[in-house]
Amino acid sequence: MASLTKKPTQVYLRPEQVEPLRALARRRKVSVAELVRQGIDQVLAAVPPEEDPLLGIIGLVDDDGPTDMAEKHDDYLVKWIQEENRSWDPKSS
């Protein structure tokens, strides 16, 4: 069995959205699902960088840190968490 390249998701549209969305899909010769995916891509692209949860790790290591940080950042982050007995939850950033 082939794996899906997309995950099924159910979305509830307001009644006034349905027909204009279908009409746009017909004009563009794409599916309604494709328009929804494109809309989601636009929303995600507009998220300001300061809302990125990964920004919470900036500053965990001072400027006197290792010179290979870019290449081995995952290793250093795991080591730091283990040494400090910390539990990092990206959702709390």
PDB file of N, CA and C in Angstrom:
ATOM      1  N   MET A   1       0.841  -1.181   0.000  1.00  0.00           N
ATOM      2  CA  MET A   1       0.000   0.000   0.000  1.00  0.00           C
ATOM      3  C   MET A   1       0.886   1.245   0.000  1.00  0.00           C
ATOM      4  N   ALA A   2       0.633   2.167  -0.894  1.00  0.00           N
ATOM      5  CA  ALA A   2       1.423   3.402  -0.991  1.00  0.00           C
ATOM      6  C   ALA A   2       1.062   4.337   0.152  1.00  0.00           C
ATOM      7  N   SER A   3       2.048   5.085   0.621  1.00  0.00           N
ATOM      8  CA  SER A   3       1.783   6.029   1.699  1.00  0.00           C
ATOM      9  C   SER A   3       1.210   7.323   1.124  1.00  0.00           C
ATOM     10  N   LEU A   4       0.416   8.001   1.911  1.00  0.00           N
ATOM     11  CA  LEU A   4      -0.176   9.266   1.493  1.00  0.00           C
ATOM     12  C   LEU A   4       0.857  10.375   1.555  1.00  0.00           C
ATOM     13  N   THR A   5       0.814  11.254   0.583  1.00  0.00           N
ATOM     14  CA  THR A   5       1.704  12.409   0.631  1.00  0.00           C
ATOM     15  C   THR A   5       1.006  13.593   1.272  1.00  0.00           C
ATOM     16  N   LYS A   6      -0.281  13.458   1.534  1.00  0.00           N
ATOM     17  CA  LYS A   6      -1.061  14.496   2.200  1.00  0.00           C
ATOM     18  C   LYS A   6      -1.868  13.835   3.307  1.00  0.00           C
ATOM     19  N   LYS A   7      -2.147  14.587   4.362  1.00  0.00           N
ATOM     20  CA  LYS A   7      -2.946  14.062   5.463  1.00  0.00           C
ATOM     21  C   LYS A   7      -4.377  14.552   5.327  1.00  0.00           C
ATOM     22  N   PRO A   8      -5.342  13.643   5.392  1.00  0.00           N
ATOM     23  CA  PRO A   8      -6.738  14.076   5.316  1.00  0.00           C
ATOM     24  C   PRO A   8      -7.119  14.918   6.531  1.00  0.00           C
ATOM     25  N   THR A   9      -7.834  15.992   6.268  1.00  0.00           N
ATOM     26  CA  THR A   9      -8.286  16.888   7.325  1.00  0.00           C
ATOM     27  C   THR A   9      -9.678  17.375   6.969  1.00  0.00           C
ATOM     28  N   GLN A  10     -10.528  17.452   7.961  1.00  0.00           N
ATOM     29  CA  GLN A  10     -11.880  17.938   7.723  1.00  0.00           C
ATOM     30  C   GLN A  10     -11.943  19.404   8.125  1.00  0.00           C
ATOM     31  N   VAL A  11     -12.477  20.235   7.230  1.00  0.00           N
ATOM     32  CA  VAL A  11     -12.592  21.672   7.473  1.00  0.00           C
ATOM     33  C   VAL A  11     -14.046  22.073   7.264  1.00  0.00           C
ATOM     34  N   TYR A  12     -14.575  22.853   8.182  1.00  0.00           N
ATOM     35  CA  TYR A  12     -15.934  23.346   8.055  1.00  0.00           C
ATOM     36  C   TYR A  12     -15.890  24.773   7.527  1.00  0.00           C
ATOM     37  N   LEU A  13     -16.535  24.977   6.393  1.00  0.00           N
ATOM     38  CA  LEU A  13     -16.584  26.300   5.783  1.00  0.00           C
ATOM     39  C   LEU A  13     -17.907  26.971   6.116  1.00  0.00           C
ATOM     40  N   ARG A  14     -17.898  28.286   6.145  1.00  0.00           N
ATOM     41  CA  ARG A  14     -19.142  29.023   6.299  1.00  0.00           C
ATOM     42  C   ARG A  14     -19.919  28.881   4.992  1.00  0.00           C
ATOM     43  N   PRO A  15     -21.228  28.870   5.046  1.00  0.00           N
ATOM     44  CA  PRO A  15     -22.030  28.683   3.830  1.00  0.00           C
ATOM     45  C   PRO A  15     -21.670  29.662   2.713  1.00  0.00           C
ATOM     46  N   GLU A  16     -21.376  30.895   3.061  1.00  0.00           N
ATOM     47  CA  GLU A  16     -21.066  31.893   2.036  1.00  0.00           C
ATOM     48  C   GLU A  16     -19.682  31.700   1.403  1.00  0.00           C
ATOM     49  N   GLN A  17     -18.883  30.783   1.935  1.00  0.00           N
ATOM     50  CA  GLN A  17     -17.557  30.508   1.375  1.00  0.00           C
ATOM     51  C   GLN A  17     -17.578  29.398   0.331  1.00  0.00           C
ATOM     52  N   VAL A  18     -18.551  28.517   0.420  1.00  0.00           N
ATOM     53  CA  VAL A  18     -18.539  27.289  -0.372  1.00  0.00           C
ATOM     54  C   VAL A  18     -18.584  27.554  -1.875  1.00  0.00           C
ATOM     55  N   GLU A  19     -19.610  28.230  -2.355  1.00  0.00           N
ATOM     56  CA  GLU A  19     -19.754  28.403  -3.801  1.00  0.00           C
ATOM     57  C   GLU A  19     -18.658  29.274  -4.405  1.00  0.00           C
ATOM     58  N   PRO A  20     -18.276  30.397  -3.779  1.00  0.00           N
ATOM     59  CA  PRO A  20     -17.166  31.166  -4.356  1.00  0.00           C
ATOM     60  C   PRO A  20     -15.861  30.360  -4.418  1.00  0.00           C
ATOM     61  N   LEU A  21     -15.629  29.526  -3.425  1.00  0.00           N
ATOM     62  CA  LEU A  21     -14.426  28.694  -3.429  1.00  0.00           C
ATOM     63  C   LEU A  21     -14.490  27.660  -4.547  1.00  0.00           C
ATOM     64  N   ARG A  22     -15.650  27.035  -4.717  1.00  0.00           N
ATOM     65  CA  ARG A  22     -15.820  26.061  -5.807  1.00  0.00           C
ATOM     66  C   ARG A  22     -15.644  26.728  -7.166  1.00  0.00           C
ATOM     67  N   ALA A  23     -16.213  27.929  -7.316  1.00  0.00           N
ATOM     68  CA  ALA A  23     -16.111  28.653  -8.587  1.00  0.00           C
ATOM     69  C   ALA A  23     -14.655  29.002  -8.890  1.00  0.00           C
ATOM     70  N   LEU A  24     -13.933  29.448  -7.880  1.00  0.00           N
ATOM     71  CA  LEU A  24     -12.516  29.773  -8.063  1.00  0.00           C
ATOM     72  C   LEU A  24     -11.721  28.530  -8.445  1.00  0.00           C
ATOM     73  N   ALA A  25     -12.027  27.422  -7.803  1.00  0.00           N
ATOM     74  CA  ALA A  25     -11.348  26.158  -8.115  1.00  0.00           C
ATOM     75  C   ALA A  25     -11.602  25.764  -9.576  1.00  0.00           C
ATOM     76  N   ARG A  26     -12.834  25.917 -10.028  1.00  0.00           N
ATOM     77  CA  ARG A  26     -13.138  25.595 -11.437  1.00  0.00           C
ATOM     78  C   ARG A  26     -12.367  26.514 -12.384  1.00  0.00           C
ATOM     79  N   ARG A  27     -12.354  27.814 -12.085  1.00  0.00           N
ATOM     80  CA  ARG A  27     -11.641  28.759 -12.961  1.00  0.00           C
ATOM     81  C   ARG A  27     -10.153  28.458 -13.019  1.00  0.00           C
ATOM     82  N   ARG A  28      -9.591  28.096 -11.899  1.00  0.00           N
ATOM     83  CA  ARG A  28      -8.148  27.816 -11.852  1.00  0.00           C
ATOM     84  C   ARG A  28      -7.812  26.373 -12.215  1.00  0.00           C
ATOM     85  N   LYS A  29      -8.840  25.570 -12.393  1.00  0.00           N
ATOM     86  CA  LYS A  29      -8.663  24.156 -12.744  1.00  0.00           C
ATOM     87  C   LYS A  29      -7.840  23.401 -11.695  1.00  0.00           C
ATOM     88  N   VAL A  30      -8.186  23.662 -10.433  1.00  0.00           N
ATOM     89  CA  VAL A  30      -7.587  22.953  -9.299  1.00  0.00           C
ATOM     90  C   VAL A  30      -8.723  22.513  -8.387  1.00  0.00           C
ATOM     91  N   SER A  31      -8.401  21.683  -7.436  1.00  0.00           N
ATOM     92  CA  SER A  31      -9.412  21.233  -6.479  1.00  0.00           C
ATOM     93  C   SER A  31      -9.622  22.283  -5.383  1.00  0.00           C
ATOM     94  N   VAL A  32     -10.760  22.181  -4.729  1.00  0.00           N
ATOM     95  CA  VAL A  32     -11.013  23.036  -3.566  1.00  0.00           C
ATOM     96  C   VAL A  32      -9.934  22.771  -2.510  1.00  0.00           C
ATOM     97  N   ALA A  33      -9.560  21.514  -2.347  1.00  0.00           N
ATOM     98  CA  ALA A  33      -8.521  21.164  -1.371  1.00  0.00           C
ATOM     99  C   ALA A  33      -7.205  21.876  -1.682  1.00  0.00           C
ATOM    100  N   GLU A  34      -6.877  21.977  -2.969  1.00  0.00           N
ATOM    101  CA  GLU A  34      -5.639  22.672  -3.347  1.00  0.00           C
ATOM    102  C   GLU A  34      -5.713  24.144  -2.979  1.00  0.00           C
ATOM    103  N   LEU A  35      -6.863  24.777  -3.188  1.00  0.00           N
ATOM    104  CA  LEU A  35      -7.009  26.182  -2.788  1.00  0.00           C
ATOM    105  C   LEU A  35      -6.871  26.340  -1.275  1.00  0.00           C
ATOM    106  N   VAL A  36      -7.436  25.395  -0.534  1.00  0.00           N
ATOM    107  CA  VAL A  36      -7.309  25.447   0.931  1.00  0.00           C
ATOM    108  C   VAL A  36      -5.839  25.312   1.324  1.00  0.00           C
ATOM    109  N   ARG A  37      -5.122  24.377   0.696  1.00  0.00           N
ATOM    110  CA  ARG A  37      -3.684  24.226   0.996  1.00  0.00           C
ATOM    111  C   ARG A  37      -2.917  25.504   0.663  1.00  0.00           C
ATOM    112  N   GLN A  38      -3.237  26.126  -0.477  1.00  0.00           N
ATOM    113  CA  GLN A  38      -2.566  27.369  -0.850  1.00  0.00           C
ATOM    114  C   GLN A  38      -2.848  28.474   0.168  1.00  0.00           C
ATOM    115  N   GLY A  39      -4.102  28.529   0.634  1.00  0.00           N
ATOM    116  CA  GLY A  39      -4.450  29.521   1.652  1.00  0.00           C
ATOM    117  C   GLY A  39      -3.687  29.298   2.946  1.00  0.00           C
ATOM    118  N   ILE A  40      -3.561  28.047   3.340  1.00  0.00           N
ATOM    119  CA  ILE A  40      -2.799  27.716   4.557  1.00  0.00           C
ATOM    120  C   ILE A  40      -1.339  28.100   4.377  1.00  0.00           C
ATOM    121  N   ASP A  41      -0.771  27.823   3.200  1.00  0.00           N
ATOM    122  CA  ASP A  41       0.619  28.216   2.932  1.00  0.00           C
ATOM    123  C   ASP A  41       0.799  29.718   3.076  1.00  0.00           C
ATOM    124  N   GLN A  42      -0.169  30.499   2.590  1.00  0.00           N
ATOM    125  CA  GLN A  42      -0.074  31.954   2.692  1.00  0.00           C
ATOM    126  C   GLN A  42      -0.140  32.414   4.145  1.00  0.00           C
ATOM    127  N   VAL A  43      -1.027  31.807   4.922  1.00  0.00           N
ATOM    128  CA  VAL A  43      -1.138  32.167   6.343  1.00  0.00           C
ATOM    129  C   VAL A  43       0.155  31.842   7.074  1.00  0.00           C
ATOM    130  N   LEU A  44       0.712  30.660   6.825  1.00  0.00           N
ATOM    131  CA  LEU A  44       1.945  30.258   7.507  1.00  0.00           C
ATOM    132  C   LEU A  44       3.128  31.123   7.084  1.00  0.00           C
ATOM    133  N   ALA A  45       3.163  31.520   5.819  1.00  0.00           N
ATOM    134  CA  ALA A  45       4.254  32.370   5.341  1.00  0.00           C
ATOM    135  C   ALA A  45       4.194  33.756   5.973  1.00  0.00           C
ATOM    136  N   ALA A  46       3.015  34.170   6.407  1.00  0.00           N
ATOM    137  CA  ALA A  46       2.844  35.497   6.990  1.00  0.00           C
ATOM    138  C   ALA A  46       3.101  35.540   8.497  1.00  0.00           C
ATOM    139  N   VAL A  47       3.401  34.389   9.094  1.00  0.00           N
ATOM    140  CA  VAL A  47       3.670  34.360  10.543  1.00  0.00           C
ATOM    141  C   VAL A  47       4.969  35.109  10.807  1.00  0.00           C
ATOM    142  N   PRO A  48       4.930  36.111  11.676  1.00  0.00           N
ATOM    143  CA  PRO A  48       6.147  36.867  11.957  1.00  0.00           C
ATOM    144  C   PRO A  48       7.208  35.979  12.618  1.00  0.00           C
ATOM    145  N   PRO A  49       8.477  36.231  12.318  1.00  0.00           N
ATOM    146  CA  PRO A  49       9.548  35.405  12.888  1.00  0.00           C
ATOM    147  C   PRO A  49       9.517  35.338  14.416  1.00  0.00           C
ATOM    148  N   GLU A  50       9.074  36.412  15.070  1.00  0.00           N
ATOM    149  CA  GLU A  50       9.079  36.394  16.535  1.00  0.00           C
ATOM    150  C   GLU A  50       8.070  35.410  17.117  1.00  0.00           C
ATOM    151  N   GLU A  51       7.155  34.891  16.311  1.00  0.00           N
ATOM    152  CA  GLU A  51       6.215  33.874  16.775  1.00  0.00           C
ATOM    153  C   GLU A  51       6.752  32.465  16.583  1.00  0.00           C
ATOM    154  N   ASP A  52       7.942  32.327  16.016  1.00  0.00           N
ATOM    155  CA  ASP A  52       8.549  31.021  15.780  1.00  0.00           C
ATOM    156  C   ASP A  52       9.014  30.436  17.112  1.00  0.00           C
ATOM    157  N   PRO A  53       8.505  29.259  17.501  1.00  0.00           N
ATOM    158  CA  PRO A  53       8.882  28.690  18.797  1.00  0.00           C
ATOM    159  C   PRO A  53      10.364  28.355  18.909  1.00  0.00           C
ATOM    160  N   LEU A  54      11.057  28.178  17.800  1.00  0.00           N
ATOM    161  CA  LEU A  54      12.481  27.863  17.865  1.00  0.00           C
ATOM    162  C   LEU A  54      13.321  29.058  18.316  1.00  0.00           C
ATOM    163  N   LEU A  55      12.747  30.250  18.272  1.00  0.00           N
ATOM    164  CA  LEU A  55      13.505  31.417  18.724  1.00  0.00           C
ATOM    165  C   LEU A  55      13.819  31.338  20.217  1.00  0.00           C
ATOM    166  N   GLY A  56      13.088  30.487  20.939  1.00  0.00           N
ATOM    167  CA  GLY A  56      13.325  30.329  22.370  1.00  0.00           C
ATOM    168  C   GLY A  56      14.692  29.750  22.695  1.00  0.00           C
ATOM    169  N   ILE A  57      15.355  29.108  21.734  1.00  0.00           N
ATOM    170  CA  ILE A  57      16.671  28.536  22.022  1.00  0.00           C
ATOM    171  C   ILE A  57      17.801  29.527  21.769  1.00  0.00           C
ATOM    172  N   ILE A  58      17.470  30.654  21.136  1.00  0.00           N
ATOM    173  CA  ILE A  58      18.516  31.657  20.889  1.00  0.00           C
ATOM    174  C   ILE A  58      19.001  32.208  22.223  1.00  0.00           C
ATOM    175  N   GLY A  59      20.277  32.265  22.360  1.00  0.00           N
ATOM    176  CA  GLY A  59      20.878  32.804  23.575  1.00  0.00           C
ATOM    177  C   GLY A  59      21.165  31.759  24.642  1.00  0.00           C
ATOM    178  N   LEU A  60      20.850  30.493  24.386  1.00  0.00           N
ATOM    179  CA  LEU A  60      21.136  29.463  25.376  1.00  0.00           C
ATOM    180  C   LEU A  60      22.636  29.262  25.551  1.00  0.00           C
ATOM    181  N   VAL A  61      23.401  29.584  24.514  1.00  0.00           N
ATOM    182  CA  VAL A  61      24.849  29.435  24.559  1.00  0.00           C
ATOM    183  C   VAL A  61      25.460  30.813  24.332  1.00  0.00           C
ATOM    184  N   ASP A  62      26.413  31.169  25.169  1.00  0.00           N
ATOM    185  CA  ASP A  62      27.025  32.494  25.019  1.00  0.00           C
ATOM    186  C   ASP A  62      28.021  32.520  23.856  1.00  0.00           C
ATOM    187  N   ASP A  63      28.541  33.694  23.559  1.00  0.00           N
ATOM    188  CA  ASP A  63      29.466  33.866  22.437  1.00  0.00           C
ATOM    189  C   ASP A  63      30.787  33.142  22.638  1.00  0.00           C
ATOM    190  N   ASP A  64      31.085  32.720  23.857  1.00  0.00           N
ATOM    191  CA  ASP A  64      32.329  32.008  24.128  1.00  0.00           C
ATOM    192  C   ASP A  64      32.165  30.508  23.924  1.00  0.00           C
ATOM    193  N   GLY A  65      31.075  30.107  23.309  1.00  0.00           N
ATOM    194  CA  GLY A  65      30.780  28.693  23.107  1.00  0.00           C
ATOM    195  C   GLY A  65      31.642  28.067  22.031  1.00  0.00           C
ATOM    196  N   PRO A  66      31.366  26.823  21.736  1.00  0.00           N
ATOM    197  CA  PRO A  66      32.154  26.079  20.747  1.00  0.00           C
ATOM    198  C   PRO A  66      32.081  26.725  19.359  1.00  0.00           C
ATOM    199  N   THR A  67      33.121  26.550  18.592  1.00  0.00           N
ATOM    200  CA  THR A  67      33.164  27.135  17.251  1.00  0.00           C
ATOM    201  C   THR A  67      32.446  26.277  16.211  1.00  0.00           C
ATOM    202  N   ASP A  68      32.086  25.040  16.573  1.00  0.00           N
ATOM    203  CA  ASP A  68      31.377  24.170  15.625  1.00  0.00           C
ATOM    204  C   ASP A  68      29.885  24.081  15.945  1.00  0.00           C
ATOM    205  N   MET A  69      29.356  25.111  16.576  1.00  0.00           N
ATOM    206  CA  MET A  69      27.964  25.105  17.016  1.00  0.00           C
ATOM    207  C   MET A  69      26.992  24.918  15.846  1.00  0.00           C
ATOM    208  N   ALA A  70      27.277  25.526  14.704  1.00  0.00           N
ATOM    209  CA  ALA A  70      26.357  25.415  13.570  1.00  0.00           C
ATOM    210  C   ALA A  70      26.228  23.970  13.104  1.00  0.00           C
ATOM    211  N   GLU A  71      27.313  23.253  13.111  1.00  0.00           N
ATOM    212  CA  GLU A  71      27.286  21.872  12.630  1.00  0.00           C
ATOM    213  C   GLU A  71      26.757  20.895  13.672  1.00  0.00           C
ATOM    214  N   LYS A  72      27.013  21.159  14.940  1.00  0.00           N
ATOM    215  CA  LYS A  72      26.669  20.194  15.992  1.00  0.00           C
ATOM    216  C   LYS A  72      25.665  20.745  17.001  1.00  0.00           C
ATOM    217  N   HIS A  73      24.821  21.672  16.572  1.00  0.00           N
ATOM    218  CA  HIS A  73      23.896  22.314  17.503  1.00  0.00           C
ATOM    219  C   HIS A  73      22.984  21.325  18.219  1.00  0.00           C
ATOM    220  N   ASP A  74      22.521  20.284  17.528  1.00  0.00           N
ATOM    221  CA  ASP A  74      21.650  19.301  18.180  1.00  0.00           C
ATOM    222  C   ASP A  74      22.385  18.581  19.312  1.00  0.00           C
ATOM    223  N   ASP A  75      23.624  18.191  19.052  1.00  0.00           N
ATOM    224  CA  ASP A  75      24.411  17.500  20.074  1.00  0.00           C
ATOM    225  C   ASP A  75      24.609  18.387  21.305  1.00  0.00           C
ATOM    226  N   TYR A  76      24.938  19.645  21.067  1.00  0.00           N
ATOM    227  CA  TYR A  76      25.155  20.559  22.186  1.00  0.00           C
ATOM    228  C   TYR A  76      23.875  20.848  22.955  1.00  0.00           C
ATOM    229  N   LEU A  77      22.768  20.962  22.258  1.00  0.00           N
ATOM    230  CA  LEU A  77      21.504  21.224  22.932  1.00  0.00           C
ATOM    231  C   LEU A  77      21.113  20.046  23.815  1.00  0.00           C
ATOM    232  N   VAL A  78      21.253  18.833  23.306  1.00  0.00           N
ATOM    233  CA  VAL A  78      20.942  17.645  24.105  1.00  0.00           C
ATOM    234  C   VAL A  78      21.855  17.580  25.334  1.00  0.00           C
ATOM    235  N   LYS A  79      23.139  17.835  25.144  1.00  0.00           N
ATOM    236  CA  LYS A  79      24.089  17.807  26.255  1.00  0.00           C
ATOM    237  C   LYS A  79      23.719  18.855  27.305  1.00  0.00           C
ATOM    238  N   TRP A  80      23.364  20.053  26.855  1.00  0.00           N
ATOM    239  CA  TRP A  80      23.014  21.128  27.784  1.00  0.00           C
ATOM    240  C   TRP A  80      21.777  20.752  28.599  1.00  0.00           C
ATOM    241  N   ILE A  81      20.769  20.179  27.923  1.00  0.00           N
ATOM    242  CA  ILE A  81      19.551  19.783  28.623  1.00  0.00           C
ATOM    243  C   ILE A  81      19.866  18.693  29.644  1.00  0.00           C
ATOM    244  N   GLN A  82      20.693  17.716  29.256  1.00  0.00           N
ATOM    245  CA  GLN A  82      21.032  16.629  30.169  1.00  0.00           C
ATOM    246  C   GLN A  82      21.837  17.143  31.362  1.00  0.00           C
ATOM    247  N   GLU A  83      22.792  18.019  31.119  1.00  0.00           N
ATOM    248  CA  GLU A  83      23.622  18.546  32.203  1.00  0.00           C
ATOM    249  C   GLU A  83      22.821  19.393  33.178  1.00  0.00           C
ATOM    250  N   GLU A  84      21.895  20.126  32.659  1.00  0.00           N
ATOM    251  CA  GLU A  84      21.106  21.010  33.509  1.00  0.00           C
ATOM    252  C   GLU A  84      19.858  20.318  34.060  1.00  0.00           C
ATOM    253  N   ASN A  85      19.696  19.039  33.648  1.00  0.00           N
ATOM    254  CA  ASN A  85      18.511  18.277  34.049  1.00  0.00           C
ATOM    255  C   ASN A  85      17.247  19.056  33.737  1.00  0.00           C
ATOM    256  N   ARG A  86      17.221  19.621  32.540  1.00  0.00           N
ATOM    257  CA  ARG A  86      16.099  20.441  32.102  1.00  0.00           C
ATOM    258  C   ARG A  86      15.182  19.613  31.205  1.00  0.00           C
ATOM    259  N   SER A  87      13.967  19.991  31.180  1.00  0.00           N
ATOM    260  CA  SER A  87      13.055  19.416  30.194  1.00  0.00           C
ATOM    261  C   SER A  87      12.567  20.576  29.339  1.00  0.00           C
ATOM    262  N   TRP A  88      12.860  20.503  28.056  1.00  0.00           N
ATOM    263  CA  TRP A  88      12.512  21.579  27.148  1.00  0.00           C
ATOM    264  C   TRP A  88      11.233  21.236  26.429  1.00  0.00           C
ATOM    265  N   ASP A  89      10.259  22.116  26.545  1.00  0.00           N
ATOM    266  CA  ASP A  89       8.988  21.940  25.855  1.00  0.00           C
ATOM    267  C   ASP A  89       8.850  23.059  24.838  1.00  0.00           C
ATOM    268  N   PRO A  90       8.961  22.732  23.537  1.00  0.00           N
ATOM    269  CA  PRO A  90       8.902  23.787  22.522  1.00  0.00           C
ATOM    270  C   PRO A  90       7.592  24.555  22.535  1.00  0.00           C
ATOM    271  N   LYS A  91       6.524  23.978  23.063  1.00  0.00           N
ATOM    272  CA  LYS A  91       5.234  24.654  23.105  1.00  0.00           C
ATOM    273  C   LYS A  91       5.224  25.776  24.141  1.00  0.00           C
ATOM    274  N   SER A  92       6.138  25.721  25.103  1.00  0.00           N
ATOM    275  CA  SER A  92       6.145  26.743  26.144  1.00  0.00           C
ATOM    276  C   SER A  92       6.977  27.959  25.763  1.00  0.00           C
ATOM    277  N   SER A  93       7.651  27.880  24.611  1.00  0.00           N
ATOM    278  CA  SER A  93       8.497  29.001  24.179  1.00  0.00           C
ATOM    279  C   SER A  93       7.678  30.124  23.620  1.00  0.00           C
TER     280      SER A  93
END
